[in-house]
Amino acid sequence: MSIIVMKFGGTSVADIKCIKNVAQKVVNQYKKNKKIVVVVSAMSGATDNLVNLTNQISEKRNLKEYDVVVSSGEQVTAGLLAMAIADLNVKSRSLMGWQIPIITDNTHYKAIIDNILNTNILSL
Protein backbone atom coordinates (compact mmCIF):
# COMPACT_ATOMS: atom_id res chain seq x y z
CA MET A 1 0.00 0.00 0.00
CA SER A 2 1.46 3.35 -0.97
CA ILE A 3 1.47 6.30 1.43
CA ILE A 4 0.07 9.66 0.41
CA VAL A 5 0.87 12.82 2.39
CA MET A 6 -1.83 15.45 2.12
CA LYS A 7 -1.31 18.99 3.49
CA PHE A 8 -4.14 21.41 4.16
CA GLY A 9 -3.53 25.03 5.12
CA GLY A 10 -5.62 27.32 7.26
CA THR A 11 -8.14 28.39 4.63
CA SER A 12 -8.75 24.74 3.67
CA VAL A 13 -9.74 24.00 7.27
CA ALA A 14 -11.23 27.41 8.08
CA ASP A 15 -14.46 26.13 9.59
CA ILE A 16 -16.44 22.95 10.22
CA LYS A 17 -17.82 22.83 6.66
CA CYS A 18 -14.27 23.08 5.27
CA ILE A 19 -12.97 20.41 7.66
CA LYS A 20 -15.76 18.04 6.59
CA ASN A 21 -14.83 18.74 2.95
CA VAL A 22 -11.18 17.88 3.70
CA ALA A 23 -12.31 14.72 5.49
CA GLN A 24 -14.18 13.62 2.38
CA LYS A 25 -11.10 14.25 0.22
CA VAL A 26 -8.98 12.17 2.59
CA VAL A 27 -11.53 9.34 2.61
CA ASN A 28 -11.72 9.39 -1.19
CA GLN A 29 -7.96 8.83 -1.38
CA TYR A 30 -8.12 6.16 1.30
CA LYS A 31 -10.77 4.29 -0.70
CA LYS A 32 -8.28 4.12 -3.58
CA ASN A 33 -6.30 1.74 -1.31
CA LYS A 34 -3.94 4.45 -0.13
CA LYS A 35 -2.51 4.90 3.34
CA ILE A 36 -2.92 8.58 4.16
CA VAL A 37 -0.92 10.92 6.36
CA VAL A 38 -2.55 14.33 6.70
CA VAL A 39 -0.78 17.47 7.86
CA VAL A 40 -3.02 20.36 8.88
CA SER A 41 -2.59 23.97 9.83
CA ALA A 42 -4.65 25.79 12.41
CA MET A 43 -8.06 26.98 11.26
CA SER A 44 -7.96 30.30 9.43
CA GLY A 45 -7.27 33.13 11.88
CA ALA A 46 -6.56 30.84 14.84
CA THR A 47 -2.79 31.34 14.79
CA ASP A 48 -3.14 35.13 14.66
CA ASN A 49 -5.49 34.99 17.66
CA LEU A 50 -3.09 32.78 19.62
CA VAL A 51 -0.10 35.01 18.83
CA ASN A 52 -2.16 38.00 19.96
CA LEU A 53 -2.88 36.26 23.28
CA THR A 54 0.82 35.61 23.87
CA ASN A 55 1.56 39.28 23.17
CA GLN A 56 -1.13 40.38 25.61
CA ILE A 57 0.07 38.13 28.43
CA SER A 58 3.74 39.07 28.35
CA GLU A 59 6.10 41.50 26.71
CA LYS A 60 8.93 39.02 27.36
CA ARG A 61 8.35 36.20 24.91
CA ASN A 62 9.22 32.84 26.44
CA LEU A 63 9.72 30.96 23.17
CA LYS A 64 9.12 27.51 24.69
CA GLU A 65 5.71 28.56 25.99
CA TYR A 66 4.99 30.54 22.82
CA ASP A 67 5.44 27.29 20.85
CA VAL A 68 3.03 25.48 23.19
CA VAL A 69 0.33 28.11 22.80
CA VAL A 70 0.64 28.59 19.05
CA SER A 71 0.77 24.85 18.29
CA SER A 72 -2.58 24.35 20.02
CA GLY A 73 -4.29 25.65 16.88
CA GLU A 74 -3.01 22.71 14.85
CA GLN A 75 -3.99 20.32 17.64
CA VAL A 76 -7.59 21.51 17.47
CA THR A 77 -7.73 21.10 13.70
CA ALA A 78 -6.14 17.64 13.82
CA GLY A 79 -8.63 16.42 16.41
CA LEU A 80 -11.62 17.83 14.54
CA LEU A 81 -10.45 16.33 11.26
CA ALA A 82 -9.92 12.90 12.86
CA MET A 83 -13.47 13.07 14.20
CA ALA A 84 -14.86 14.07 10.79
CA ILE A 85 -13.02 11.19 9.09
CA ALA A 86 -14.31 8.73 11.69
CA ASP A 87 -17.85 9.96 10.98
CA LEU A 88 -17.27 8.80 7.40
CA ASN A 89 -16.59 5.30 8.78
CA VAL A 90 -12.82 5.37 8.27
CA LYS A 91 -10.48 4.73 11.19
CA SER A 92 -8.56 7.88 12.02
CA ARG A 93 -6.15 9.07 14.68
CA SER A 94 -4.68 12.50 15.30
CA LEU A 95 -1.02 12.59 16.30
CA MET A 96 1.07 15.48 17.54
CA GLY A 97 4.69 15.85 16.44
CA TRP A 98 6.08 14.31 19.63
CA GLN A 99 3.89 11.22 19.15
CA ILE A 100 5.24 10.44 15.68
CA PRO A 101 8.01 11.57 16.62
CA ILE A 102 9.30 14.46 14.57
CA ILE A 103 12.79 15.34 15.78
CA THR A 104 13.84 18.98 15.51
CA ASP A 105 16.79 21.06 16.54
CA ASN A 106 16.51 22.93 19.85
CA THR A 107 15.51 26.24 18.29
CA HIS A 108 12.17 27.39 19.64
CA TYR A 109 9.88 29.45 17.44
CA LYS A 110 11.69 28.46 14.21
CA ALA A 111 12.80 24.85 14.65
CA ILE A 112 14.30 22.87 11.81
CA ILE A 113 13.27 19.21 11.32
CA ASP A 114 16.21 16.86 11.73
CA ASN A 115 14.37 13.57 11.31
CA ILE A 116 10.92 11.98 11.17
CA LEU A 117 10.70 8.53 12.71
CA ASN A 118 7.96 6.73 10.82
CA THR A 119 7.59 3.56 12.92
CA ASN A 120 4.50 4.84 14.79
CA ILE A 121 2.87 6.03 11.57
CA LEU A 122 3.49 2.75 9.76
CA SER A 123 2.14 0.70 12.68
CA LEU A 124 -1.29 2.35 12.58
C-alpha atoms as a PDB file:
ATOM      1  CA  MET A   1       0.000   0.000   0.000  1.00  0.00           C
ATOM      2  CA  SER A   2       1.462   3.355  -0.974  1.00  0.00           C
ATOM      3  CA  ILE A   3       1.470   6.300   1.431  1.00  0.00           C
ATOM      4  CA  ILE A   4       0.070   9.664   0.410  1.00  0.00           C
ATOM      5  CA  VAL A   5       0.872  12.816   2.393  1.00  0.00           C
ATOM      6  CA  MET A   6      -1.834  15.452   2.117  1.00  0.00           C
ATOM      7  CA  LYS A   7      -1.310  18.989   3.486  1.00  0.00           C
ATOM      8  CA  PHE A   8      -4.137  21.410   4.161  1.00  0.00           C
ATOM      9  CA  GLY A   9      -3.534  25.034   5.115  1.00  0.00           C
ATOM     10  CA  GLY A  10      -5.618  27.324   7.265  1.00  0.00           C
ATOM     11  CA  THR A  11      -8.139  28.393   4.627  1.00  0.00           C
ATOM     12  CA  SER A  12      -8.750  24.744   3.667  1.00  0.00           C
ATOM     13  CA  VAL A  13      -9.745  24.000   7.272  1.00  0.00           C
ATOM     14  CA  ALA A  14     -11.228  27.412   8.076  1.00  0.00           C
ATOM     15  CA  ASP A  15     -14.462  26.130   9.588  1.00  0.00           C
ATOM     16  CA  ILE A  16     -16.441  22.948  10.217  1.00  0.00           C
ATOM     17  CA  LYS A  17     -17.823  22.832   6.665  1.00  0.00           C
ATOM     18  CA  CYS A  18     -14.273  23.079   5.273  1.00  0.00           C
ATOM     19  CA  ILE A  19     -12.973  20.414   7.659  1.00  0.00           C
ATOM     20  CA  LYS A  20     -15.758  18.043   6.593  1.00  0.00           C
ATOM     21  CA  ASN A  21     -14.830  18.737   2.947  1.00  0.00           C
ATOM     22  CA  VAL A  22     -11.181  17.884   3.700  1.00  0.00           C
ATOM     23  CA  ALA A  23     -12.309  14.724   5.494  1.00  0.00           C
ATOM     24  CA  GLN A  24     -14.182  13.621   2.381  1.00  0.00           C
ATOM     25  CA  LYS A  25     -11.096  14.254   0.221  1.00  0.00           C
ATOM     26  CA  VAL A  26      -8.982  12.173   2.588  1.00  0.00           C
ATOM     27  CA  VAL A  27     -11.529   9.338   2.609  1.00  0.00           C
ATOM     28  CA  ASN A  28     -11.722   9.395  -1.194  1.00  0.00           C
ATOM     29  CA  GLN A  29      -7.956   8.832  -1.379  1.00  0.00           C
ATOM     30  CA  TYR A  30      -8.125   6.161   1.301  1.00  0.00           C
ATOM     31  CA  LYS A  31     -10.767   4.286  -0.702  1.00  0.00           C
ATOM     32  CA  LYS A  32      -8.280   4.124  -3.581  1.00  0.00           C
ATOM     33  CA  ASN A  33      -6.299   1.743  -1.312  1.00  0.00           C
ATOM     34  CA  LYS A  34      -3.940   4.453  -0.127  1.00  0.00           C
ATOM     35  CA  LYS A  35      -2.507   4.904   3.336  1.00  0.00           C
ATOM     36  CA  ILE A  36      -2.920   8.584   4.156  1.00  0.00           C
ATOM     37  CA  VAL A  37      -0.916  10.921   6.361  1.00  0.00           C
ATOM     38  CA  VAL A  38      -2.549  14.328   6.702  1.00  0.00           C
ATOM     39  CA  VAL A  39      -0.777  17.469   7.856  1.00  0.00           C
ATOM     40  CA  VAL A  40      -3.022  20.363   8.876  1.00  0.00           C
ATOM     41  CA  SER A  41      -2.593  23.971   9.826  1.00  0.00           C
ATOM     42  CA  ALA A  42      -4.651  25.786  12.406  1.00  0.00           C
ATOM     43  CA  MET A  43      -8.062  26.977  11.262  1.00  0.00           C
ATOM     44  CA  SER A  44      -7.956  30.296   9.427  1.00  0.00           C
ATOM     45  CA  GLY A  45      -7.272  33.129  11.882  1.00  0.00           C
ATOM     46  CA  ALA A  46      -6.557  30.838  14.836  1.00  0.00           C
ATOM     47  CA  THR A  47      -2.787  31.336  14.793  1.00  0.00           C
ATOM     48  CA  ASP A  48      -3.140  35.126  14.662  1.00  0.00           C
ATOM     49  CA  ASN A  49      -5.489  34.990  17.657  1.00  0.00           C
ATOM     50  CA  LEU A  50      -3.089  32.783  19.620  1.00  0.00           C
ATOM     51  CA  VAL A  51      -0.101  35.010  18.829  1.00  0.00           C
ATOM     52  CA  ASN A  52      -2.159  37.997  19.964  1.00  0.00           C
ATOM     53  CA  LEU A  53      -2.881  36.259  23.276  1.00  0.00           C
ATOM     54  CA  THR A  54       0.824  35.613  23.868  1.00  0.00           C
ATOM     55  CA  ASN A  55       1.562  39.282  23.169  1.00  0.00           C
ATOM     56  CA  GLN A  56      -1.130  40.376  25.615  1.00  0.00           C
ATOM     57  CA  ILE A  57       0.070  38.125  28.430  1.00  0.00           C
ATOM     58  CA  SER A  58       3.735  39.071  28.350  1.00  0.00           C
ATOM     59  CA  GLU A  59       6.095  41.505  26.709  1.00  0.00           C
ATOM     60  CA  LYS A  60       8.925  39.022  27.362  1.00  0.00           C
ATOM     61  CA  ARG A  61       8.352  36.205  24.910  1.00  0.00           C
ATOM     62  CA  ASN A  62       9.216  32.842  26.441  1.00  0.00           C
ATOM     63  CA  LEU A  63       9.717  30.957  23.174  1.00  0.00           C
ATOM     64  CA  LYS A  64       9.116  27.510  24.690  1.00  0.00           C
ATOM     65  CA  GLU A  65       5.708  28.557  25.986  1.00  0.00           C
ATOM     66  CA  TYR A  66       4.986  30.536  22.819  1.00  0.00           C
ATOM     67  CA  ASP A  67       5.439  27.286  20.845  1.00  0.00           C
ATOM     68  CA  VAL A  68       3.035  25.478  23.192  1.00  0.00           C
ATOM     69  CA  VAL A  69       0.327  28.114  22.800  1.00  0.00           C
ATOM     70  CA  VAL A  70       0.636  28.591  19.053  1.00  0.00           C
ATOM     71  CA  SER A  71       0.768  24.846  18.292  1.00  0.00           C
ATOM     72  CA  SER A  72      -2.576  24.354  20.021  1.00  0.00           C
ATOM     73  CA  GLY A  73      -4.294  25.647  16.882  1.00  0.00           C
ATOM     74  CA  GLU A  74      -3.006  22.706  14.845  1.00  0.00           C
ATOM     75  CA  GLN A  75      -3.992  20.316  17.638  1.00  0.00           C
ATOM     76  CA  VAL A  76      -7.595  21.512  17.474  1.00  0.00           C
ATOM     77  CA  THR A  77      -7.729  21.096  13.696  1.00  0.00           C
ATOM     78  CA  ALA A  78      -6.138  17.638  13.822  1.00  0.00           C
ATOM     79  CA  GLY A  79      -8.630  16.425  16.414  1.00  0.00           C
ATOM     80  CA  LEU A  80     -11.623  17.827  14.539  1.00  0.00           C
ATOM     81  CA  LEU A  81     -10.447  16.326  11.256  1.00  0.00           C
ATOM     82  CA  ALA A  82      -9.917  12.899  12.863  1.00  0.00           C
ATOM     83  CA  MET A  83     -13.473  13.075  14.204  1.00  0.00           C
ATOM     84  CA  ALA A  84     -14.860  14.068  10.790  1.00  0.00           C
ATOM     85  CA  ILE A  85     -13.022  11.192   9.086  1.00  0.00           C
ATOM     86  CA  ALA A  86     -14.309   8.735  11.692  1.00  0.00           C
ATOM     87  CA  ASP A  87     -17.852   9.959  10.983  1.00  0.00           C
ATOM     88  CA  LEU A  88     -17.267   8.803   7.399  1.00  0.00           C
ATOM     89  CA  ASN A  89     -16.587   5.302   8.777  1.00  0.00           C
ATOM     90  CA  VAL A  90     -12.816   5.368   8.271  1.00  0.00           C
ATOM     91  CA  LYS A  91     -10.483   4.725  11.191  1.00  0.00           C
ATOM     92  CA  SER A  92      -8.559   7.882  12.016  1.00  0.00           C
ATOM     93  CA  ARG A  93      -6.152   9.072  14.680  1.00  0.00           C
ATOM     94  CA  SER A  94      -4.677  12.503  15.296  1.00  0.00           C
ATOM     95  CA  LEU A  95      -1.018  12.592  16.303  1.00  0.00           C
ATOM     96  CA  MET A  96       1.075  15.475  17.536  1.00  0.00           C
ATOM     97  CA  GLY A  97       4.689  15.855  16.437  1.00  0.00           C
ATOM     98  CA  TRP A  98       6.076  14.308  19.626  1.00  0.00           C
ATOM     99  CA  GLN A  99       3.888  11.219  19.149  1.00  0.00           C
ATOM    100  CA  ILE A 100       5.240  10.441  15.678  1.00  0.00           C
ATOM    101  CA  PRO A 101       8.012  11.570  16.624  1.00  0.00           C
ATOM    102  CA  ILE A 102       9.299  14.464  14.574  1.00  0.00           C
ATOM    103  CA  ILE A 103      12.790  15.341  15.780  1.00  0.00           C
ATOM    104  CA  THR A 104      13.836  18.985  15.507  1.00  0.00           C
ATOM    105  CA  ASP A 105      16.787  21.058  16.540  1.00  0.00           C
ATOM    106  CA  ASN A 106      16.511  22.926  19.846  1.00  0.00           C
ATOM    107  CA  THR A 107      15.513  26.238  18.294  1.00  0.00           C
ATOM    108  CA  HIS A 108      12.175  27.389  19.645  1.00  0.00           C
ATOM    109  CA  TYR A 109       9.883  29.446  17.442  1.00  0.00           C
ATOM    110  CA  LYS A 110      11.687  28.456  14.212  1.00  0.00           C
ATOM    111  CA  ALA A 111      12.795  24.854  14.653  1.00  0.00           C
ATOM    112  CA  ILE A 112      14.298  22.867  11.812  1.00  0.00           C
ATOM    113  CA  ILE A 113      13.267  19.212  11.323  1.00  0.00           C
ATOM    114  CA  ASP A 114      16.215  16.861  11.734  1.00  0.00           C
ATOM    115  CA  ASN A 115      14.369  13.565  11.315  1.00  0.00           C
ATOM    116  CA  ILE A 116      10.915  11.984  11.170  1.00  0.00           C
ATOM    117  CA  LEU A 117      10.701   8.529  12.708  1.00  0.00           C
ATOM    118  CA  ASN A 118       7.957   6.735  10.817  1.00  0.00           C
ATOM    119  CA  THR A 119       7.586   3.562  12.916  1.00  0.00           C
ATOM    120  CA  ASN A 120       4.505   4.842  14.787  1.00  0.00           C
ATOM    121  CA  ILE A 121       2.866   6.029  11.568  1.00  0.00           C
ATOM    122  CA  LEU A 122       3.490   2.751   9.756  1.00  0.00           C
ATOM    123  CA  SER A 123       2.137   0.698  12.679  1.00  0.00           C
ATOM    124  CA  LEU A 124      -1.292   2.351  12.582  1.00  0.00           C
END
